Amino acid sequence: MGYGLPAAIGAKVAQPDALVIDIDGDASSGMTLTELATASQFNIGVKIIVLNNEELSMVKQSQNFFYEDRYAHTHQVNPDFVKLAESMRIQSRRHLAQQDWAHQPDGGADTRDWFL
């Protein structure tokens, strides 16, 4: 957890002309959100897809396996990722359902800059 965004930034620095996409869970993204500000400042444009289910899903899965569905501290309240991205001058869009992607099939991949 917490590896996706820093790794995507590193990949983009190494290959500036490549399309770099980070698909990350909300908990993992939450661990590295400060990296958005740094990369925005230096215009290191990657695409980020945050799967937002307000859970520590890997932790919950482990608790399910080892503790017979007794969960502790797996639910979390997330920031508004769109507003957070916009506060750092990062273009963003919220897709709540699969149908939302039909209106933007490239999901923002056509932009050369940041996209969350």
PDB file of N, CA and C in Angstrom:
ATOM      1  N   MET A   1       0.836  -1.187   0.000  1.00  0.00           N
ATOM      2  CA  MET A   1       0.000   0.000   0.000  1.00  0.00           C
ATOM      3  C   MET A   1       0.874   1.241   0.000  1.00  0.00           C
ATOM      4  N   GLY A   2       0.417   2.246  -0.719  1.00  0.00           N
ATOM      5  CA  GLY A   2       1.147   3.497  -0.774  1.00  0.00           C
ATOM      6  C   GLY A   2       2.247   3.512  -1.812  1.00  0.00           C
ATOM      7  N   TYR A   3       2.256   2.556  -2.706  1.00  0.00           N
ATOM      8  CA  TYR A   3       3.320   2.447  -3.694  1.00  0.00           C
ATOM      9  C   TYR A   3       2.935   3.008  -5.057  1.00  0.00           C
ATOM     10  N   GLY A   4       1.659   2.969  -5.403  1.00  0.00           N
ATOM     11  CA  GLY A   4       1.221   3.276  -6.762  1.00  0.00           C
ATOM     12  C   GLY A   4       1.593   4.656  -7.262  1.00  0.00           C
ATOM     13  N   LEU A   5       1.229   5.694  -6.523  1.00  0.00           N
ATOM     14  CA  LEU A   5       1.487   7.058  -6.992  1.00  0.00           C
ATOM     15  C   LEU A   5       2.977   7.377  -7.058  1.00  0.00           C
ATOM     16  N   PRO A   6       3.773   7.101  -6.016  1.00  0.00           N
ATOM     17  CA  PRO A   6       5.209   7.368  -6.142  1.00  0.00           C
ATOM     18  C   PRO A   6       5.855   6.579  -7.282  1.00  0.00           C
ATOM     19  N   ALA A   7       5.428   5.336  -7.485  1.00  0.00           N
ATOM     20  CA  ALA A   7       5.977   4.535  -8.579  1.00  0.00           C
ATOM     21  C   ALA A   7       5.593   5.125  -9.931  1.00  0.00           C
ATOM     22  N   ALA A   8       4.356   5.591 -10.053  1.00  0.00           N
ATOM     23  CA  ALA A   8       3.909   6.205 -11.307  1.00  0.00           C
ATOM     24  C   ALA A   8       4.695   7.483 -11.595  1.00  0.00           C
ATOM     25  N   ILE A   9       4.935   8.269 -10.562  1.00  0.00           N
ATOM     26  CA  ILE A   9       5.724   9.495 -10.737  1.00  0.00           C
ATOM     27  C   ILE A   9       7.134   9.142 -11.197  1.00  0.00           C
ATOM     28  N   GLY A  10       7.738   8.135 -10.568  1.00  0.00           N
ATOM     29  CA  GLY A  10       9.075   7.699 -10.969  1.00  0.00           C
ATOM     30  C   GLY A  10       9.109   7.198 -12.397  1.00  0.00           C
ATOM     31  N   ALA A  11       8.085   6.441 -12.791  1.00  0.00           N
ATOM     32  CA  ALA A  11       8.016   5.935 -14.163  1.00  0.00           C
ATOM     33  C   ALA A  11       7.898   7.081 -15.162  1.00  0.00           C
ATOM     34  N   LYS A  12       7.111   8.097 -14.812  1.00  0.00           N
ATOM     35  CA  LYS A  12       6.925   9.238 -15.719  1.00  0.00           C
ATOM     36  C   LYS A  12       8.203  10.058 -15.837  1.00  0.00           C
ATOM     37  N   VAL A  13       8.937  10.204 -14.741  1.00  0.00           N
ATOM     38  CA  VAL A  13      10.218  10.920 -14.797  1.00  0.00           C
ATOM     39  C   VAL A  13      11.200  10.147 -15.676  1.00  0.00           C
ATOM     40  N   ALA A  14      11.200   8.815 -15.549  1.00  0.00           N
ATOM     41  CA  ALA A  14      12.107   7.984 -16.346  1.00  0.00           C
ATOM     42  C   ALA A  14      11.724   7.959 -17.822  1.00  0.00           C
ATOM     43  N   GLN A  15      10.415   8.003 -18.106  1.00  0.00           N
ATOM     44  CA  GLN A  15       9.912   7.947 -19.484  1.00  0.00           C
ATOM     45  C   GLN A  15       8.919   9.087 -19.702  1.00  0.00           C
ATOM     46  N   PRO A  16       9.388  10.321 -19.875  1.00  0.00           N
ATOM     47  CA  PRO A  16       8.485  11.482 -19.931  1.00  0.00           C
ATOM     48  C   PRO A  16       7.438  11.430 -21.035  1.00  0.00           C
ATOM     49  N   ASP A  17       7.697  10.720 -22.119  1.00  0.00           N
ATOM     50  CA  ASP A  17       6.741  10.668 -23.224  1.00  0.00           C
ATOM     51  C   ASP A  17       5.747   9.515 -23.107  1.00  0.00           C
ATOM     52  N   ALA A  18       5.906   8.670 -22.105  1.00  0.00           N
ATOM     53  CA  ALA A  18       5.021   7.512 -21.935  1.00  0.00           C
ATOM     54  C   ALA A  18       3.727   7.922 -21.243  1.00  0.00           C
ATOM     55  N   LEU A  19       2.649   7.216 -21.571  1.00  0.00           N
ATOM     56  CA  LEU A  19       1.387   7.368 -20.856  1.00  0.00           C
ATOM     57  C   LEU A  19       1.486   6.495 -19.608  1.00  0.00           C
ATOM     58  N   VAL A  20       1.459   7.112 -18.437  1.00  0.00           N
ATOM     59  CA  VAL A  20       1.594   6.389 -17.171  1.00  0.00           C
ATOM     60  C   VAL A  20       0.275   6.493 -16.417  1.00  0.00           C
ATOM     61  N   ILE A  21      -0.284   5.341 -16.054  1.00  0.00           N
ATOM     62  CA  ILE A  21      -1.562   5.288 -15.348  1.00  0.00           C
ATOM     63  C   ILE A  21      -1.372   4.543 -14.033  1.00  0.00           C
ATOM     64  N   ASP A  22      -1.791   5.171 -12.946  1.00  0.00           N
ATOM     65  CA  ASP A  22      -1.774   4.563 -11.615  1.00  0.00           C
ATOM     66  C   ASP A  22      -3.205   4.189 -11.255  1.00  0.00           C
ATOM     67  N   ILE A  23      -3.472   2.898 -11.062  1.00  0.00           N
ATOM     68  CA  ILE A  23      -4.776   2.438 -10.577  1.00  0.00           C
ATOM     69  C   ILE A  23      -4.567   2.058  -9.124  1.00  0.00           C
ATOM     70  N   ASP A  24      -5.217   2.798  -8.241  1.00  0.00           N
ATOM     71  CA  ASP A  24      -4.897   2.710  -6.824  1.00  0.00           C
ATOM     72  C   ASP A  24      -6.167   2.677  -5.992  1.00  0.00           C
ATOM     73  N   GLY A  25      -6.119   1.988  -4.884  1.00  0.00           N
ATOM     74  CA  GLY A  25      -7.219   2.023  -3.938  1.00  0.00           C
ATOM     75  C   GLY A  25      -7.208   3.319  -3.151  1.00  0.00           C
ATOM     76  N   ASP A  26      -8.327   3.636  -2.541  1.00  0.00           N
ATOM     77  CA  ASP A  26      -8.427   4.887  -1.798  1.00  0.00           C
ATOM     78  C   ASP A  26      -7.505   4.915  -0.586  1.00  0.00           C
ATOM     79  N   ALA A  27      -7.338   3.801   0.104  1.00  0.00           N
ATOM     80  CA  ALA A  27      -6.458   3.778   1.271  1.00  0.00           C
ATOM     81  C   ALA A  27      -5.005   3.943   0.852  1.00  0.00           C
ATOM     82  N   SER A  28      -4.615   3.284  -0.209  1.00  0.00           N
ATOM     83  CA  SER A  28      -3.260   3.416  -0.720  1.00  0.00           C
ATOM     84  C   SER A  28      -3.001   4.846  -1.187  1.00  0.00           C
ATOM     85  N   SER A  29      -3.959   5.426  -1.890  1.00  0.00           N
ATOM     86  CA  SER A  29      -3.821   6.815  -2.339  1.00  0.00           C
ATOM     87  C   SER A  29      -3.692   7.762  -1.162  1.00  0.00           C
ATOM     88  N   GLY A  30      -4.460   7.493  -0.113  1.00  0.00           N
ATOM     89  CA  GLY A  30      -4.417   8.355   1.058  1.00  0.00           C
ATOM     90  C   GLY A  30      -3.059   8.411   1.720  1.00  0.00           C
ATOM     91  N   MET A  31      -2.276   7.366   1.553  1.00  0.00           N
ATOM     92  CA  MET A  31      -0.946   7.332   2.157  1.00  0.00           C
ATOM     93  C   MET A  31       0.041   8.239   1.441  1.00  0.00           C
ATOM     94  N   THR A  32      -0.253   8.611   0.199  1.00  0.00           N
ATOM     95  CA  THR A  32       0.726   9.359  -0.594  1.00  0.00           C
ATOM     96  C   THR A  32       0.132  10.591  -1.274  1.00  0.00           C
ATOM     97  N   LEU A  33      -0.963  11.109  -0.757  1.00  0.00           N
ATOM     98  CA  LEU A  33      -1.604  12.260  -1.406  1.00  0.00           C
ATOM     99  C   LEU A  33      -0.702  13.486  -1.472  1.00  0.00           C
ATOM    100  N   THR A  34       0.232  13.615  -0.554  1.00  0.00           N
ATOM    101  CA  THR A  34       1.128  14.772  -0.605  1.00  0.00           C
ATOM    102  C   THR A  34       2.000  14.749  -1.853  1.00  0.00           C
ATOM    103  N   GLU A  35       2.179  13.565  -2.438  1.00  0.00           N
ATOM    104  CA  GLU A  35       2.958  13.481  -3.671  1.00  0.00           C
ATOM    105  C   GLU A  35       2.274  14.206  -4.822  1.00  0.00           C
ATOM    106  N   LEU A  36       0.956  14.368  -4.737  1.00  0.00           N
ATOM    107  CA  LEU A  36       0.247  15.122  -5.776  1.00  0.00           C
ATOM    108  C   LEU A  36       0.782  16.545  -5.874  1.00  0.00           C
ATOM    109  N   ALA A  37       1.002  17.170  -4.736  1.00  0.00           N
ATOM    110  CA  ALA A  37       1.472  18.560  -4.735  1.00  0.00           C
ATOM    111  C   ALA A  37       2.859  18.670  -5.352  1.00  0.00           C
ATOM    112  N   THR A  38       3.740  17.769  -4.987  1.00  0.00           N
ATOM    113  CA  THR A  38       5.103  17.802  -5.519  1.00  0.00           C
ATOM    114  C   THR A  38       5.107  17.609  -7.027  1.00  0.00           C
ATOM    115  N   ALA A  39       4.416  16.581  -7.485  1.00  0.00           N
ATOM    116  CA  ALA A  39       4.412  16.299  -8.913  1.00  0.00           C
ATOM    117  C   ALA A  39       3.662  17.367  -9.699  1.00  0.00           C
ATOM    118  N   SER A  40       2.629  17.943  -9.113  1.00  0.00           N
ATOM    119  CA  SER A  40       1.929  19.042  -9.771  1.00  0.00           C
ATOM    120  C   SER A  40       2.863  20.239  -9.926  1.00  0.00           C
ATOM    121  N   GLN A  41       3.604  20.532  -8.874  1.00  0.00           N
ATOM    122  CA  GLN A  41       4.537  21.664  -8.906  1.00  0.00           C
ATOM    123  C   GLN A  41       5.572  21.502 -10.015  1.00  0.00           C
ATOM    124  N   PHE A  42       6.036  20.271 -10.222  1.00  0.00           N
ATOM    125  CA  PHE A  42       7.069  20.029 -11.224  1.00  0.00           C
ATOM    126  C   PHE A  42       6.502  19.504 -12.545  1.00  0.00           C
ATOM    127  N   ASN A  43       5.163  19.542 -12.669  1.00  0.00           N
ATOM    128  CA  ASN A  43       4.471  19.166 -13.902  1.00  0.00           C
ATOM    129  C   ASN A  43       4.858  17.770 -14.398  1.00  0.00           C
ATOM    130  N   ILE A  44       4.810  16.811 -13.490  1.00  0.00           N
ATOM    131  CA  ILE A  44       5.057  15.415 -13.833  1.00  0.00           C
ATOM    132  C   ILE A  44       3.685  14.773 -14.008  1.00  0.00           C
ATOM    133  N   GLY A  45       3.194  14.727 -15.228  1.00  0.00           N
ATOM    134  CA  GLY A  45       1.807  14.347 -15.481  1.00  0.00           C
ATOM    135  C   GLY A  45       1.583  12.851 -15.585  1.00  0.00           C
ATOM    136  N   VAL A  46       0.882  12.291 -14.614  1.00  0.00           N
ATOM    137  CA  VAL A  46       0.443  10.901 -14.673  1.00  0.00           C
ATOM    138  C   VAL A  46      -1.073  10.874 -14.559  1.00  0.00           C
ATOM    139  N   LYS A  47      -1.664   9.781 -14.964  1.00  0.00           N
ATOM    140  CA  LYS A  47      -3.112   9.587 -14.825  1.00  0.00           C
ATOM    141  C   LYS A  47      -3.332   8.708 -13.603  1.00  0.00           C
ATOM    142  N   ILE A  48      -4.295   9.065 -12.775  1.00  0.00           N
ATOM    143  CA  ILE A  48      -4.549   8.338 -11.538  1.00  0.00           C
ATOM    144  C   ILE A  48      -6.018   7.936 -11.493  1.00  0.00           C
ATOM    145  N   ILE A  49      -6.261   6.673 -11.292  1.00  0.00           N
ATOM    146  CA  ILE A  49      -7.618   6.172 -11.077  1.00  0.00           C
ATOM    147  C   ILE A  49      -7.679   5.690  -9.635  1.00  0.00           C
ATOM    148  N   VAL A  50      -8.555   6.301  -8.840  1.00  0.00           N
ATOM    149  CA  VAL A  50      -8.713   5.917  -7.438  1.00  0.00           C
ATOM    150  C   VAL A  50      -9.998   5.108  -7.308  1.00  0.00           C
ATOM    151  N   LEU A  51      -9.871   3.889  -6.837  1.00  0.00           N
ATOM    152  CA  LEU A  51     -11.025   3.029  -6.564  1.00  0.00           C
ATOM    153  C   LEU A  51     -11.469   3.330  -5.140  1.00  0.00           C
ATOM    154  N   ASN A  52     -12.542   4.083  -5.024  1.00  0.00           N
ATOM    155  CA  ASN A  52     -12.953   4.638  -3.737  1.00  0.00           C
ATOM    156  C   ASN A  52     -14.122   3.842  -3.160  1.00  0.00           C
ATOM    157  N   ASN A  53     -13.818   2.934  -2.238  1.00  0.00           N
ATOM    158  CA  ASN A  53     -14.880   2.186  -1.565  1.00  0.00           C
ATOM    159  C   ASN A  53     -14.888   2.443  -0.054  1.00  0.00           C
ATOM    160  N   GLU A  54     -14.081   3.398   0.385  1.00  0.00           N
ATOM    161  CA  GLU A  54     -13.995   3.803   1.791  1.00  0.00           C
ATOM    162  C   GLU A  54     -13.680   2.629   2.714  1.00  0.00           C
ATOM    163  N   GLU A  55     -12.785   1.757   2.260  1.00  0.00           N
ATOM    164  CA  GLU A  55     -12.367   0.614   3.066  1.00  0.00           C
ATOM    165  C   GLU A  55     -10.881   0.348   2.901  1.00  0.00           C
ATOM    166  N   LEU A  56     -10.305  -0.212   3.927  1.00  0.00           N
ATOM    167  CA  LEU A  56      -8.976  -0.796   3.824  1.00  0.00           C
ATOM    168  C   LEU A  56      -9.202  -2.247   3.387  1.00  0.00           C
ATOM    169  N   SER A  57      -9.390  -2.450   2.112  1.00  0.00           N
ATOM    170  CA  SER A  57      -9.867  -3.739   1.601  1.00  0.00           C
ATOM    171  C   SER A  57      -8.896  -4.881   1.854  1.00  0.00           C
ATOM    172  N   MET A  58      -7.585  -4.627   1.721  1.00  0.00           N
ATOM    173  CA  MET A  58      -6.626  -5.699   1.993  1.00  0.00           C
ATOM    174  C   MET A  58      -6.649  -6.083   3.468  1.00  0.00           C
ATOM    175  N   VAL A  59      -6.784  -5.107   4.348  1.00  0.00           N
ATOM    176  CA  VAL A  59      -6.863  -5.385   5.781  1.00  0.00           C
ATOM    177  C   VAL A  59      -8.140  -6.156   6.086  1.00  0.00           C
ATOM    178  N   LYS A  60      -9.245  -5.726   5.494  1.00  0.00           N
ATOM    179  CA  LYS A  60     -10.518  -6.415   5.716  1.00  0.00           C
ATOM    180  C   LYS A  60     -10.461  -7.851   5.211  1.00  0.00           C
ATOM    181  N   GLN A  61      -9.828  -8.061   4.074  1.00  0.00           N
ATOM    182  CA  GLN A  61      -9.691  -9.408   3.535  1.00  0.00           C
ATOM    183  C   GLN A  61      -8.887 -10.290   4.495  1.00  0.00           C
ATOM    184  N   SER A  62      -7.816  -9.766   5.043  1.00  0.00           N
ATOM    185  CA  SER A  62      -7.019 -10.529   6.015  1.00  0.00           C
ATOM    186  C   SER A  62      -7.823 -10.830   7.269  1.00  0.00           C
ATOM    187  N   GLN A  63      -8.572  -9.837   7.740  1.00  0.00           N
ATOM    188  CA  GLN A  63      -9.390 -10.060   8.927  1.00  0.00           C
ATOM    189  C   GLN A  63     -10.483 -11.084   8.651  1.00  0.00           C
ATOM    190  N   ASN A  64     -11.018 -11.083   7.464  1.00  0.00           N
ATOM    191  CA  ASN A  64     -12.016 -12.075   7.078  1.00  0.00           C
ATOM    192  C   ASN A  64     -11.419 -13.482   7.137  1.00  0.00           C
ATOM    193  N   PHE A  65     -10.222 -13.616   6.622  1.00  0.00           N
ATOM    194  CA  PHE A  65      -9.575 -14.923   6.554  1.00  0.00           C
ATOM    195  C   PHE A  65      -9.139 -15.424   7.933  1.00  0.00           C
ATOM    196  N   PHE A  66      -8.498 -14.545   8.705  1.00  0.00           N
ATOM    197  CA  PHE A  66      -7.906 -14.975   9.973  1.00  0.00           C
ATOM    198  C   PHE A  66      -8.833 -14.843  11.184  1.00  0.00           C
ATOM    199  N   TYR A  67      -9.815 -13.937  11.107  1.00  0.00           N
ATOM    200  CA  TYR A  67     -10.629 -13.641  12.288  1.00  0.00           C
ATOM    201  C   TYR A  67     -12.122 -13.852  12.054  1.00  0.00           C
ATOM    202  N   GLU A  68     -12.474 -14.660  11.085  1.00  0.00           N
ATOM    203  CA  GLU A  68     -13.851 -15.081  10.846  1.00  0.00           C
ATOM    204  C   GLU A  68     -14.846 -13.918  10.792  1.00  0.00           C
ATOM    205  N   ASP A  69     -14.596 -12.999   9.890  1.00  0.00           N
ATOM    206  CA  ASP A  69     -15.500 -11.866   9.637  1.00  0.00           C
ATOM    207  C   ASP A  69     -15.617 -10.884  10.802  1.00  0.00           C
ATOM    208  N   ARG A  70     -14.676 -10.881  11.724  1.00  0.00           N
ATOM    209  CA  ARG A  70     -14.658  -9.860  12.778  1.00  0.00           C
ATOM    210  C   ARG A  70     -13.702  -8.766  12.311  1.00  0.00           C
ATOM    211  N   TYR A  71     -14.267  -7.616  12.013  1.00  0.00           N
ATOM    212  CA  TYR A  71     -13.487  -6.532  11.428  1.00  0.00           C
ATOM    213  C   TYR A  71     -13.232  -5.437  12.456  1.00  0.00           C
ATOM    214  N   ALA A  72     -12.066  -4.861  12.371  1.00  0.00           N
ATOM    215  CA  ALA A  72     -11.739  -3.716  13.219  1.00  0.00           C
ATOM    216  C   ALA A  72     -10.979  -2.697  12.384  1.00  0.00           C
ATOM    217  N   HIS A  73     -11.444  -1.469  12.406  1.00  0.00           N
ATOM    218  CA  HIS A  73     -10.740  -0.336  11.797  1.00  0.00           C
ATOM    219  C   HIS A  73     -10.493  -0.517  10.299  1.00  0.00           C
ATOM    220  N   THR A  74     -11.477  -1.025   9.588  1.00  0.00           N
ATOM    221  CA  THR A  74     -11.311  -1.181   8.146  1.00  0.00           C
ATOM    222  C   THR A  74     -12.107  -0.159   7.341  1.00  0.00           C
ATOM    223  N   HIS A  75     -13.047   0.519   7.968  1.00  0.00           N
ATOM    224  CA  HIS A  75     -13.814   1.557   7.273  1.00  0.00           C
ATOM    225  C   HIS A  75     -13.102   2.889   7.460  1.00  0.00           C
ATOM    226  N   GLN A  76     -13.088   3.700   6.431  1.00  0.00           N
ATOM    227  CA  GLN A  76     -12.453   5.014   6.531  1.00  0.00           C
ATOM    228  C   GLN A  76     -13.308   6.052   5.828  1.00  0.00           C
ATOM    229  N   VAL A  77     -13.166   7.281   6.250  1.00  0.00           N
ATOM    230  CA  VAL A  77     -13.822   8.412   5.600  1.00  0.00           C
ATOM    231  C   VAL A  77     -12.764   9.086   4.735  1.00  0.00           C
ATOM    232  N   ASN A  78     -13.069   9.245   3.469  1.00  0.00           N
ATOM    233  CA  ASN A  78     -12.108   9.808   2.524  1.00  0.00           C
ATOM    234  C   ASN A  78     -12.384  11.275   2.244  1.00  0.00           C
ATOM    235  N   PRO A  79     -11.350  11.985   1.796  1.00  0.00           N
ATOM    236  CA  PRO A  79     -11.587  13.345   1.321  1.00  0.00           C
ATOM    237  C   PRO A  79     -12.317  13.297  -0.013  1.00  0.00           C
ATOM    238  N   ASP A  80     -12.789  14.420  -0.452  1.00  0.00           N
ATOM    239  CA  ASP A  80     -13.335  14.538  -1.800  1.00  0.00           C
ATOM    240  C   ASP A  80     -12.127  14.599  -2.737  1.00  0.00           C
ATOM    241  N   PHE A  81     -11.826  13.497  -3.396  1.00  0.00           N
ATOM    242  CA  PHE A  81     -10.622  13.413  -4.215  1.00  0.00           C
ATOM    243  C   PHE A  81     -10.625  14.419  -5.360  1.00  0.00           C
ATOM    244  N   VAL A  82     -11.795  14.717  -5.915  1.00  0.00           N
ATOM    245  CA  VAL A  82     -11.884  15.690  -7.007  1.00  0.00           C
ATOM    246  C   VAL A  82     -11.498  17.078  -6.504  1.00  0.00           C
ATOM    247  N   LYS A  83     -12.081  17.495  -5.387  1.00  0.00           N
ATOM    248  CA  LYS A  83     -11.750  18.815  -4.837  1.00  0.00           C
ATOM    249  C   LYS A  83     -10.296  18.882  -4.397  1.00  0.00           C
ATOM    250  N   LEU A  84      -9.801  17.801  -3.837  1.00  0.00           N
ATOM    251  CA  LEU A  84      -8.404  17.766  -3.419  1.00  0.00           C
ATOM    252  C   LEU A  84      -7.483  17.948  -4.618  1.00  0.00           C
ATOM    253  N   ALA A  85      -7.769  17.226  -5.700  1.00  0.00           N
ATOM    254  CA  ALA A  85      -6.964  17.356  -6.914  1.00  0.00           C
ATOM    255  C   ALA A  85      -7.047  18.767  -7.475  1.00  0.00           C
ATOM    256  N   GLU A  86      -8.249  19.314  -7.537  1.00  0.00           N
ATOM    257  CA  GLU A  86      -8.413  20.665  -8.071  1.00  0.00           C
ATOM    258  C   GLU A  86      -7.685  21.695  -7.217  1.00  0.00           C
ATOM    259  N   SER A  87      -7.599  21.469  -5.910  1.00  0.00           N
ATOM    260  CA  SER A  87      -6.882  22.414  -5.047  1.00  0.00           C
ATOM    261  C   SER A  87      -5.391  22.431  -5.360  1.00  0.00           C
ATOM    262  N   MET A  88      -4.910  21.389  -6.028  1.00  0.00           N
ATOM    263  CA  MET A  88      -3.503  21.310  -6.423  1.00  0.00           C
ATOM    264  C   MET A  88      -3.328  21.552  -7.918  1.00  0.00           C
ATOM    265  N   ARG A  89      -4.358  22.142  -8.540  1.00  0.00           N
ATOM    266  CA  ARG A  89      -4.350  22.467  -9.969  1.00  0.00           C
ATOM    267  C   ARG A  89      -4.211  21.229 -10.852  1.00  0.00           C
ATOM    268  N   ILE A  90      -4.870  20.155 -10.435  1.00  0.00           N
ATOM    269  CA  ILE A  90      -4.852  18.902 -11.182  1.00  0.00           C
ATOM    270  C   ILE A  90      -6.249  18.670 -11.746  1.00  0.00           C
ATOM    271  N   GLN A  91      -6.331  18.451 -13.034  1.00  0.00           N
ATOM    272  CA  GLN A  91      -7.616  18.179 -13.673  1.00  0.00           C
ATOM    273  C   GLN A  91      -8.177  16.884 -13.102  1.00  0.00           C
ATOM    274  N   SER A  92      -9.472  16.865 -12.818  1.00  0.00           N
ATOM    275  CA  SER A  92     -10.055  15.658 -12.233  1.00  0.00           C
ATOM    276  C   SER A  92     -11.506  15.495 -12.651  1.00  0.00           C
ATOM    277  N   ARG A  93     -11.999  14.291 -12.469  1.00  0.00           N
ATOM    278  CA  ARG A  93     -13.373  13.958 -12.815  1.00  0.00           C
ATOM    279  C   ARG A  93     -13.799  12.776 -11.950  1.00  0.00           C
ATOM    280  N   ARG A  94     -15.062  12.757 -11.573  1.00  0.00           N
ATOM    281  CA  ARG A  94     -15.599  11.654 -10.771  1.00  0.00           C
ATOM    282  C   ARG A  94     -16.476  10.774 -11.664  1.00  0.00           C
ATOM    283  N   HIS A  95     -16.221   9.488 -11.632  1.00  0.00           N
ATOM    284  CA  HIS A  95     -17.054   8.503 -12.324  1.00  0.00           C
ATOM    285  C   HIS A  95     -17.668   7.608 -11.257  1.00  0.00           C
ATOM    286  N   LEU A  96     -18.970   7.666 -11.116  1.00  0.00           N
ATOM    287  CA  LEU A  96     -19.645   6.886 -10.085  1.00  0.00           C
ATOM    288  C   LEU A  96     -20.139   5.537 -10.585  1.00  0.00           C
ATOM    289  N   ALA A  97     -20.286   5.405 -11.880  1.00  0.00           N
ATOM    290  CA  ALA A  97     -20.797   4.156 -12.439  1.00  0.00           C
ATOM    291  C   ALA A  97     -20.115   3.891 -13.775  1.00  0.00           C
ATOM    292  N   GLN A  98     -20.216   2.670 -14.221  1.00  0.00           N
ATOM    293  CA  GLN A  98     -19.601   2.288 -15.484  1.00  0.00           C
ATOM    294  C   GLN A  98     -20.132   3.149 -16.633  1.00  0.00           C
ATOM    295  N   GLN A  99     -21.402   3.544 -16.559  1.00  0.00           N
ATOM    296  CA  GLN A  99     -21.995   4.354 -17.615  1.00  0.00           C
ATOM    297  C   GLN A  99     -21.304   5.714 -17.734  1.00  0.00           C
ATOM    298  N   ASP A 100     -20.735   6.212 -16.639  1.00  0.00           N
ATOM    299  CA  ASP A 100     -20.056   7.506 -16.680  1.00  0.00           C
ATOM    300  C   ASP A 100     -18.877   7.494 -17.642  1.00  0.00           C
ATOM    301  N   TRP A 101     -18.241   6.338 -17.801  1.00  0.00           N
ATOM    302  CA  TRP A 101     -17.084   6.246 -18.684  1.00  0.00           C
ATOM    303  C   TRP A 101     -17.488   6.361 -20.150  1.00  0.00           C
ATOM    304  N   ALA A 102     -18.753   6.087 -20.464  1.00  0.00           N
ATOM    305  CA  ALA A 102     -19.210   6.167 -21.852  1.00  0.00           C
ATOM    306  C   ALA A 102     -19.107   7.589 -22.391  1.00  0.00           C
ATOM    307  N   HIS A 103     -19.241   8.575 -21.514  1.00  0.00           N
ATOM    308  CA  HIS A 103     -19.164   9.974 -21.941  1.00  0.00           C
ATOM    309  C   HIS A 103     -17.722  10.444 -22.078  1.00  0.00           C
ATOM    310  N   GLN A 104     -16.798   9.729 -21.500  1.00  0.00           N
ATOM    311  CA  GLN A 104     -15.373  10.066 -21.574  1.00  0.00           C
ATOM    312  C   GLN A 104     -14.608   8.745 -21.707  1.00  0.00           C
ATOM    313  N   PRO A 105     -14.700   8.086 -22.864  1.00  0.00           N
ATOM    314  CA  PRO A 105     -14.134   6.745 -22.994  1.00  0.00           C
ATOM    315  C   PRO A 105     -12.637   6.674 -22.740  1.00  0.00           C
ATOM    316  N   ASP A 106     -11.914   7.746 -23.002  1.00  0.00           N
ATOM    317  CA  ASP A 106     -10.472   7.707 -22.752  1.00  0.00           C
ATOM    318  C   ASP A 106     -10.151   7.975 -21.286  1.00  0.00           C
ATOM    319  N   GLY A 107     -11.151   8.340 -20.487  1.00  0.00           N
ATOM    320  CA  GLY A 107     -10.946   8.561 -19.062  1.00  0.00           C
ATOM    321  C   GLY A 107      -9.954   9.658 -18.744  1.00  0.00           C
ATOM    322  N   GLY A 108      -9.698  10.535 -19.692  1.00  0.00           N
ATOM    323  CA  GLY A 108      -8.732  11.599 -19.457  1.00  0.00           C
ATOM    324  C   GLY A 108      -7.361  11.288 -20.025  1.00  0.00           C
ATOM    325  N   ALA A 109      -7.225  10.140 -20.673  1.00  0.00           N
ATOM    326  CA  ALA A 109      -5.923   9.738 -21.204  1.00  0.00           C
ATOM    327  C   ALA A 109      -5.459  10.639 -22.337  1.00  0.00           C
ATOM    328  N   ASP A 110      -6.380  11.408 -22.920  1.00  0.00           N
ATOM    329  CA  ASP A 110      -5.997  12.286 -24.021  1.00  0.00           C
ATOM    330  C   ASP A 110      -5.285  13.545 -23.539  1.00  0.00           C
ATOM    331  N   THR A 111      -5.327  13.831 -22.254  1.00  0.00           N
ATOM    332  CA  THR A 111      -4.651  15.020 -21.746  1.00  0.00           C
ATOM    333  C   THR A 111      -3.179  14.711 -21.534  1.00  0.00           C
ATOM    334  N   ARG A 112      -2.324  15.697 -21.741  1.00  0.00           N
ATOM    335  CA  ARG A 112      -0.888  15.506 -21.549  1.00  0.00           C
ATOM    336  C   ARG A 112      -0.476  15.785 -20.110  1.00  0.00           C
ATOM    337  N   ASP A 113      -1.375  16.386 -19.354  1.00  0.00           N
ATOM    338  CA  ASP A 113      -1.042  16.786 -18.001  1.00  0.00           C
ATOM    339  C   ASP A 113      -1.605  15.791 -16.999  1.00  0.00           C
ATOM    340  N   TRP A 114      -1.588  16.211 -15.777  1.00  0.00           N
ATOM    341  CA  TRP A 114      -2.140  15.417 -14.683  1.00  0.00           C
ATOM    342  C   TRP A 114      -3.612  15.128 -14.905  1.00  0.00           C
ATOM    343  N   PHE A 115      -4.037  14.012 -14.379  1.00  0.00           N
ATOM    344  CA  PHE A 115      -5.469  13.711 -14.375  1.00  0.00           C
ATOM    345  C   PHE A 115      -5.757  12.739 -13.250  1.00  0.00           C
ATOM    346  N   LEU A 116      -6.747  13.061 -12.425  1.00  0.00           N
ATOM    347  CA  LEU A 116      -7.169  12.179 -11.329  1.00  0.00           C
ATOM    348  C   LEU A 116      -8.618  11.804 -11.551  1.00  0.00           C
TER     349      LEU A 116
END
